[in-house]
Protein backbone atom coordinates (compact mmCIF):
# COMPACT_ATOMS: atom_id res chain seq x y z
CA MET A 1 -0.17 0.03 -0.05
CA THR A 2 2.61 2.79 1.17
CA ALA A 3 5.97 3.26 -0.52
CA LEU A 4 8.32 5.98 -1.18
CA LEU A 5 9.84 6.15 -4.71
CA THR A 6 13.67 5.94 -5.07
CA LYS A 7 13.72 5.77 -8.94
CA LYS A 8 11.92 6.29 -12.18
CA PRO A 9 9.89 3.32 -13.32
CA LYS A 10 10.24 1.69 -16.51
CA GLU A 11 8.19 3.04 -19.40
CA LYS A 12 4.25 2.43 -19.26
CA PHE A 13 0.99 4.28 -18.31
CA SER A 14 -0.18 4.89 -15.25
CA VAL A 15 -3.23 6.62 -13.60
CA GLY A 16 -3.81 8.45 -10.33
CA LEU A 17 -7.51 9.14 -9.22
CA ASP A 18 -8.01 11.60 -6.49
CA ILE A 19 -11.38 11.49 -5.08
CA GLY A 20 -11.90 14.52 -3.30
CA THR A 21 -15.25 15.82 -1.58
CA GLN A 22 -15.91 18.75 -4.11
CA MET A 23 -13.93 17.54 -7.18
CA ILE A 24 -12.34 14.44 -8.86
CA LYS A 25 -9.17 14.63 -10.29
CA VAL A 26 -7.56 12.17 -12.78
CA VAL A 27 -3.89 12.26 -14.17
CA LYS A 28 -2.30 10.02 -16.70
CA LEU A 29 1.39 9.70 -16.85
CA LYS A 30 3.58 7.75 -19.76
CA THR A 31 6.80 7.05 -18.25
CA ALA A 32 9.85 5.70 -19.33
CA ALA A 33 13.64 5.13 -17.93
CA ASP A 34 14.47 8.97 -18.89
CA ALA A 35 11.20 11.02 -19.31
CA THR A 36 7.74 10.85 -17.59
CA GLU A 37 5.16 12.65 -19.78
CA LEU A 38 1.75 13.72 -18.89
CA ALA A 39 -0.75 11.79 -21.36
CA SER A 40 -4.04 13.42 -20.06
CA PHE A 41 -5.67 14.80 -17.20
CA GLY A 42 -9.18 15.72 -15.94
CA ILE A 43 -11.14 17.50 -13.44
CA GLU A 44 -14.74 16.94 -12.63
CA PRO A 45 -17.22 18.14 -9.99
CA ALA A 46 -17.94 15.47 -7.55
CA GLU A 47 -21.48 16.69 -6.38
CA PHE A 48 -23.10 14.72 -9.00
CA HIS A 49 -23.75 10.86 -8.97
CA PHE A 50 -20.23 9.50 -8.05
CA THR A 51 -20.44 6.44 -10.35
CA ASP A 52 -21.61 8.57 -13.61
CA VAL A 53 -18.69 10.77 -12.97
CA LEU A 54 -16.37 7.89 -12.98
CA LYS A 55 -17.70 6.39 -16.01
CA LYS A 56 -17.42 9.53 -17.56
CA ILE A 57 -13.72 9.71 -16.67
CA LYS A 58 -13.11 6.21 -17.76
CA GLN A 59 -14.32 6.83 -21.13
CA GLU A 60 -12.74 10.26 -22.02
CA GLN A 61 -9.29 9.26 -20.48
CA GLY A 62 -9.54 5.62 -21.99
CA ILE A 63 -8.45 4.11 -18.78
CA ASP A 64 -9.22 0.83 -16.79
CA THR A 65 -7.09 0.84 -13.77
CA VAL A 66 -6.31 3.60 -11.21
CA ASN A 67 -4.34 4.42 -8.41
CA ILE A 68 -6.18 5.85 -5.37
CA ALA A 69 -5.69 7.22 -2.06
CA PHE A 70 -7.38 8.16 1.30
CA SER A 71 -6.99 10.65 4.07
CA GLY A 72 -9.09 11.43 7.08
CA PRO A 73 -9.97 9.74 9.98
CA ALA A 74 -10.14 6.55 8.80
CA THR A 75 -6.49 6.61 8.17
CA VAL A 76 -3.17 6.53 10.24
CA ILE A 77 0.19 7.23 9.32
CA ARG A 78 3.14 7.21 11.62
CA ASP A 79 6.94 7.28 11.97
CA ILE A 80 8.06 4.65 14.58
CA ASN A 81 11.36 2.98 15.52
CA PHE A 82 11.80 -0.87 15.08
CA PRO A 83 14.54 -3.12 15.96
CA ARG A 84 16.75 -3.49 12.69
CA MET A 85 15.25 -6.33 10.31
CA ASP A 86 14.53 -6.73 6.60
CA ALA A 87 11.65 -5.98 4.81
CA ALA A 88 10.14 -9.38 4.89
CA GLU A 89 10.66 -9.51 8.52
CA LEU A 90 9.08 -6.13 8.83
CA LYS A 91 6.00 -7.21 7.52
CA GLN A 92 5.55 -10.04 9.98
CA ALA A 93 6.49 -7.67 12.81
CA LEU A 94 3.68 -5.04 11.60
CA LYS A 95 1.12 -7.84 12.77
CA PHE A 96 2.11 -7.85 16.40
CA GLU A 97 3.73 -4.36 17.02
CA VAL A 98 1.02 -2.07 15.35
CA GLN A 99 -1.70 -1.97 17.70
CA LYS A 100 0.25 0.34 19.94
CA HIS A 101 0.49 3.00 17.22
CA ILE A 102 -3.03 3.08 16.05
CA PRO A 103 -6.38 3.92 17.47
CA PHE A 104 -8.54 1.06 15.65
CA PRO A 105 -8.11 -2.75 16.29
CA VAL A 106 -5.67 -4.36 14.06
CA ALA A 107 -8.39 -6.81 12.55
CA GLU A 108 -10.45 -3.43 11.41
CA VAL A 109 -7.58 -2.14 9.19
CA ASN A 110 -5.47 -2.63 6.14
CA LEU A 111 -1.87 -1.85 6.79
CA ASP A 112 1.59 -1.80 5.41
CA GLY A 113 4.99 -0.32 6.32
CA CYS A 114 8.51 0.54 4.26
CA ILE A 115 11.82 1.24 6.10
CA LEU A 116 12.70 4.95 5.91
CA LYS A 117 16.31 4.54 7.48
CA ASP A 118 17.85 1.52 8.65
CA ASP A 119 20.83 3.17 10.46
CA LEU A 120 19.52 4.44 13.53
CA PRO A 121 21.67 4.16 16.72
CA ASP A 122 21.15 1.12 19.05
CA ASN A 123 20.54 -1.32 15.90
CA LYS A 124 17.16 0.36 15.31
CA MET A 125 15.69 1.68 11.87
CA LEU A 126 12.76 4.20 11.15
CA VAL A 127 9.82 2.85 9.71
CA LEU A 128 6.77 4.61 8.04
CA LEU A 129 3.52 2.86 9.08
CA ALA A 130 0.27 3.33 6.92
CA ALA A 131 -3.15 1.95 7.73
CA VAL A 132 -6.82 2.44 6.17
CA LYS A 133 -9.90 1.07 7.84
CA LYS A 134 -11.23 -1.70 5.85
CA ASP A 135 -14.83 -0.84 5.78
CA PHE A 136 -14.04 2.80 4.66
CA MET A 137 -11.68 1.48 2.01
CA ASP A 138 -14.05 -1.29 0.71
CA GLN A 139 -16.75 0.94 0.36
CA ARG A 140 -14.88 3.18 -1.83
CA ILE A 141 -13.40 0.18 -3.83
CA LYS A 142 -16.77 -1.22 -4.78
CA LEU A 143 -17.84 2.30 -5.81
CA ILE A 144 -15.11 2.55 -8.24
CA GLU A 145 -15.29 -1.22 -9.65
CA TYR A 146 -19.05 -0.65 -10.17
CA ALA A 147 -17.94 2.23 -12.61
CA GLY A 148 -15.98 -0.44 -14.42
CA LEU A 149 -12.64 0.57 -13.41
CA LYS A 150 -9.99 -1.55 -11.45
CA VAL A 151 -7.76 -0.58 -8.32
CA ASN A 152 -4.42 -1.13 -8.69
CA ILE A 153 -2.43 0.84 -5.74
CA ILE A 154 -3.96 1.98 -2.70
CA GLU A 155 -2.06 5.15 -0.98
CA ILE A 156 -2.61 7.51 1.67
CA ASP A 157 -2.91 11.37 0.41
CA SER A 158 0.11 12.33 2.29
CA ILE A 159 2.59 9.88 0.84
CA ALA A 160 1.28 10.60 -2.78
CA LEU A 161 2.06 14.44 -2.11
CA THR A 162 5.53 13.58 -1.02
CA ASN A 163 6.21 11.36 -3.95
CA ALA A 164 5.03 14.21 -6.32
CA PHE A 165 7.39 16.84 -4.44
CA ASN A 166 10.35 14.64 -4.28
CA PHE A 167 9.85 13.68 -8.10
CA ASN A 168 10.05 17.36 -8.75
CA TYR A 169 12.05 19.10 -6.19
CA SER A 170 14.43 16.50 -4.85
CA GLN A 171 17.25 17.88 -6.90
CA GLU A 172 16.84 21.46 -5.82
CA GLU A 173 20.31 22.33 -4.28
CA ASN A 174 18.58 25.08 -2.03
CA LEU A 175 16.49 22.48 -0.47
CA LYS A 176 18.88 19.72 0.47
CA HIS A 177 19.21 18.73 3.65
CA LYS A 178 16.39 20.96 4.60
CA VAL A 179 13.32 20.43 6.84
CA ILE A 180 10.06 21.72 4.66
CA ALA A 181 6.30 21.19 5.09
CA LEU A 182 3.83 20.48 2.46
CA LEU A 183 0.50 22.04 3.16
CA ASN A 184 -2.07 20.76 0.58
CA ILE A 185 -5.56 22.43 1.20
CA GLY A 186 -8.45 20.51 0.07
CA ALA A 187 -12.17 21.13 0.32
CA ALA A 188 -12.74 19.48 3.63
CA ILE A 189 -9.17 18.47 4.87
CA THR A 190 -5.71 20.04 4.89
CA ASN A 191 -2.76 17.71 4.61
CA LEU A 192 0.08 18.75 6.46
CA ILE A 193 3.36 16.72 5.97
CA ILE A 194 7.02 17.79 7.40
CA LEU A 195 9.96 16.30 5.29
CA GLU A 196 13.40 15.95 6.34
CA ASP A 197 15.82 15.35 3.56
CA GLY A 198 12.82 14.20 1.58
CA ILE A 199 11.36 12.02 4.30
CA PRO A 200 8.25 12.24 5.77
CA ARG A 201 8.56 12.92 9.67
CA LEU A 202 5.16 14.34 10.59
CA SER A 203 1.86 13.84 8.76
CA ARG A 204 -1.38 15.21 9.95
CA ASP A 205 -5.01 15.86 8.41
CA ILE A 206 -6.28 19.17 9.46
CA GLN A 207 -9.91 19.91 9.98
CA VAL A 208 -9.83 23.39 8.69
CA ALA A 209 -9.81 23.79 4.94
CA GLY A 210 -11.45 25.37 1.91
CA ASN A 211 -15.03 24.99 3.00
CA ASN A 212 -14.39 26.86 6.16
CA PHE A 213 -13.05 29.77 3.99
CA THR A 214 -16.15 29.51 1.59
CA GLN A 215 -18.65 29.29 4.43
CA LYS A 216 -17.44 32.33 6.17
CA VAL A 217 -17.25 34.56 2.84
CA ALA A 218 -21.06 33.47 2.47
CA GLU A 219 -21.49 34.69 5.89
CA VAL A 220 -19.80 38.00 5.31
CA PHE A 221 -21.32 38.77 2.14
CA GLY A 222 -24.90 37.10 2.58
CA VAL A 223 -24.21 35.15 -0.43
CA ASP A 224 -24.85 31.33 -1.13
CA LEU A 225 -21.90 29.05 -1.39
CA LYS A 226 -21.46 28.97 -4.83
CA SER A 227 -21.30 32.88 -5.26
CA ALA A 228 -18.98 32.79 -2.09
CA GLU A 229 -16.55 30.50 -4.02
CA ASN A 230 -16.10 33.20 -6.86
CA VAL A 231 -15.72 35.88 -4.51
CA LYS A 232 -13.05 34.16 -2.85
CA VAL A 233 -11.07 33.50 -5.62
CA ASN A 234 -11.68 36.54 -7.37
CA PRO A 235 -12.91 39.44 -5.07
CA ALA A 236 -13.89 42.72 -7.01
CA GLY A 237 -13.36 46.40 -5.75
CA ASP A 238 -13.53 46.56 -2.08
CA GLN A 239 -14.70 42.76 -1.36
CA TYR A 240 -11.03 41.77 -0.83
CA GLY A 241 -10.17 43.95 2.39
CA ARG A 242 -13.85 42.89 3.97
CA MET A 243 -13.20 39.21 3.05
CA MET A 244 -9.81 39.23 4.65
CA ALA A 245 -11.39 40.84 7.69
CA GLY A 246 -14.10 38.56 8.02
CA LEU A 247 -11.74 35.51 7.72
CA GLU A 248 -9.21 36.47 10.25
CA ALA A 249 -10.41 33.90 12.90
CA VAL A 250 -10.15 31.17 10.18
CA PHE A 251 -6.62 32.13 9.32
CA THR A 252 -5.94 32.22 12.91
CA ASN A 253 -7.23 28.73 13.74
CA LEU A 254 -5.39 27.14 10.48
CA ALA A 255 -2.30 28.93 11.42
CA GLY A 256 -2.43 27.74 15.22
CA GLU A 257 -3.08 24.21 13.84
CA ILE A 258 0.10 24.19 11.54
CA ARG A 259 2.17 25.95 14.51
CA THR A 260 1.03 23.11 16.93
CA SER A 261 2.61 20.52 14.45
CA PHE A 262 5.69 22.48 13.98
CA ASP A 263 6.19 22.67 17.61
CA TYR A 264 5.62 19.08 18.35
CA PHE A 265 8.07 18.00 15.51
CA GLU A 266 10.57 20.53 16.67
CA SER A 267 10.35 19.14 20.29
CA GLN A 268 11.33 15.68 18.83
CA SER A 269 14.05 17.03 16.47
CA ALA A 270 16.91 19.37 16.53
CA SER A 271 15.74 20.65 13.16
CA SER A 272 12.98 23.29 12.49
CA VAL A 273 10.64 24.00 9.51
CA GLY A 274 12.32 26.54 7.34
CA LYS A 275 9.66 26.64 4.34
CA ILE A 276 5.93 25.70 3.56
CA PHE A 277 4.97 24.49 -0.17
CA LEU A 278 1.26 25.50 -0.76
CA SER A 279 -0.92 23.29 -3.14
CA GLY A 280 -4.61 22.24 -3.29
CA GLY A 281 -7.81 23.80 -4.37
CA GLY A 282 -7.63 26.08 -1.34
CA SER A 283 -4.40 27.62 -2.03
CA LEU A 284 -6.23 29.35 -5.10
CA PHE A 285 -7.85 31.60 -2.60
CA MET A 286 -6.37 35.21 -3.10
CA GLY A 287 -4.32 36.17 -0.38
CA LEU A 288 -4.06 32.87 1.65
CA LYS A 289 -0.29 32.53 0.65
CA ASP A 290 0.74 35.85 2.25
CA LYS A 291 -1.53 35.47 5.30
CA VAL A 292 -0.10 32.11 6.01
CA ALA A 293 3.43 33.31 5.89
CA SER A 294 2.79 36.22 7.89
CA LEU A 295 0.99 34.42 10.85
CA LEU A 296 3.83 31.92 10.94
CA GLY A 297 6.72 34.11 10.09
CA ILE A 298 7.68 31.50 7.53
CA GLU A 299 8.24 31.64 3.86
CA VAL A 300 5.60 30.04 1.70
CA GLU A 301 5.58 28.88 -1.76
CA CYS A 302 3.35 27.49 -4.29
CA TRP A 303 4.94 24.23 -5.98
CA ASP A 304 4.06 22.75 -9.31
CA PRO A 305 3.63 18.94 -9.26
CA LEU A 306 4.26 19.11 -13.05
CA LYS A 307 7.49 21.03 -12.81
CA ASN A 308 9.67 17.93 -14.55
CA ILE A 309 6.64 16.16 -16.27
CA LYS A 310 6.71 17.26 -19.78
CA PRO A 311 3.06 17.63 -21.24
CA ALA A 312 1.82 15.75 -24.39
CA GLY A 313 1.95 18.05 -27.38
CA ALA A 314 -2.00 18.21 -27.75
CA LEU A 315 -2.78 19.32 -24.30
CA ASP A 316 -3.62 22.79 -23.40
CA ALA A 317 -1.03 24.20 -21.56
CA GLU A 318 -3.20 27.31 -20.21
CA LYS A 319 -5.85 24.94 -18.83
CA ILE A 320 -2.79 22.94 -16.95
CA LYS A 321 -1.28 26.23 -15.63
CA SER A 322 -4.77 26.78 -14.43
CA ILE A 323 -5.31 23.67 -12.28
CA PHE A 324 -2.06 22.06 -11.60
CA ALA A 325 -2.23 23.34 -7.84
CA GLN A 326 -5.16 20.76 -7.41
CA LEU A 327 -3.10 17.98 -9.01
CA PRO A 328 -0.39 16.99 -6.61
CA VAL A 329 -2.19 13.71 -4.96
CA ALA A 330 -3.26 12.53 -8.63
CA VAL A 331 0.17 13.05 -9.66
CA GLY A 332 1.83 11.20 -6.68
CA LEU A 333 -0.57 8.33 -7.55
CA ALA A 334 0.27 8.24 -11.26
CA LEU A 335 4.04 8.02 -10.22
CA ARG A 336 3.37 4.61 -8.39
CA LYS A 337 3.53 1.54 -10.72
């Protein structure tokens, strides 16, 4: 279920399907030993009948098999120390050791783990543990299969984000040996991942996200949610000032959740977070990047999940540019084979 990418895969097509509460995103990649190409992509509203949307995606994208991801309260991801062992031994050990690290009975989850570091002191190694509740996973898979699609790989959102970021930014000299945070703001959930040398050291889903901003904007201007969404992205005239003032409490709440996570990480580590990389549909909210940077006192930058992925010649470059912030989970999933 869970793995961090270490090298580019052999040539083939692979599809990442990111099912959000408001939008369903799909990315189809063609990968070879020396290049990765964006073969096609799509984004569809999730408010319509779920199965019909998936059938439309299947037909338009010409796909049969997809990689999917989960997030939220039915998922768990942890960094834990284990006695040093090989991967096969780890698979067996997880069954007996995992209960102390997850809030669900072991029988109720599908779990997996991968070795992040095998050279810790005292003959220890660092392991990434991931678990998803079986009933939650099975329900989603049945709906996908009902639409005529097969599920290949199952991932956690934060690991898909990590894989997409590392694929595109791991060679950046100014990021090597640095601690950075990925902040992916969706409609209902904000994924926060702290990376140290490209390795996830803390992962958390925050329940303050785009819907909270939209709801507050609707209250400030006395409009419906659809109109509030438009104001949030493209405020007119004096709307921007009124909107930012009305959203101060929501901004403070989000920044407080992020700061709590940073403080916890820094209490367990000799390092501190030096930069935040922002993505997700919620990141399109005008002024959000600067506000988060101001409240936390940390540099914030939007990142491109397609930075090292060449689009096929027939694709609309302007459309890609307008929605790439919403694609990192789908890209990370499509990079898995």
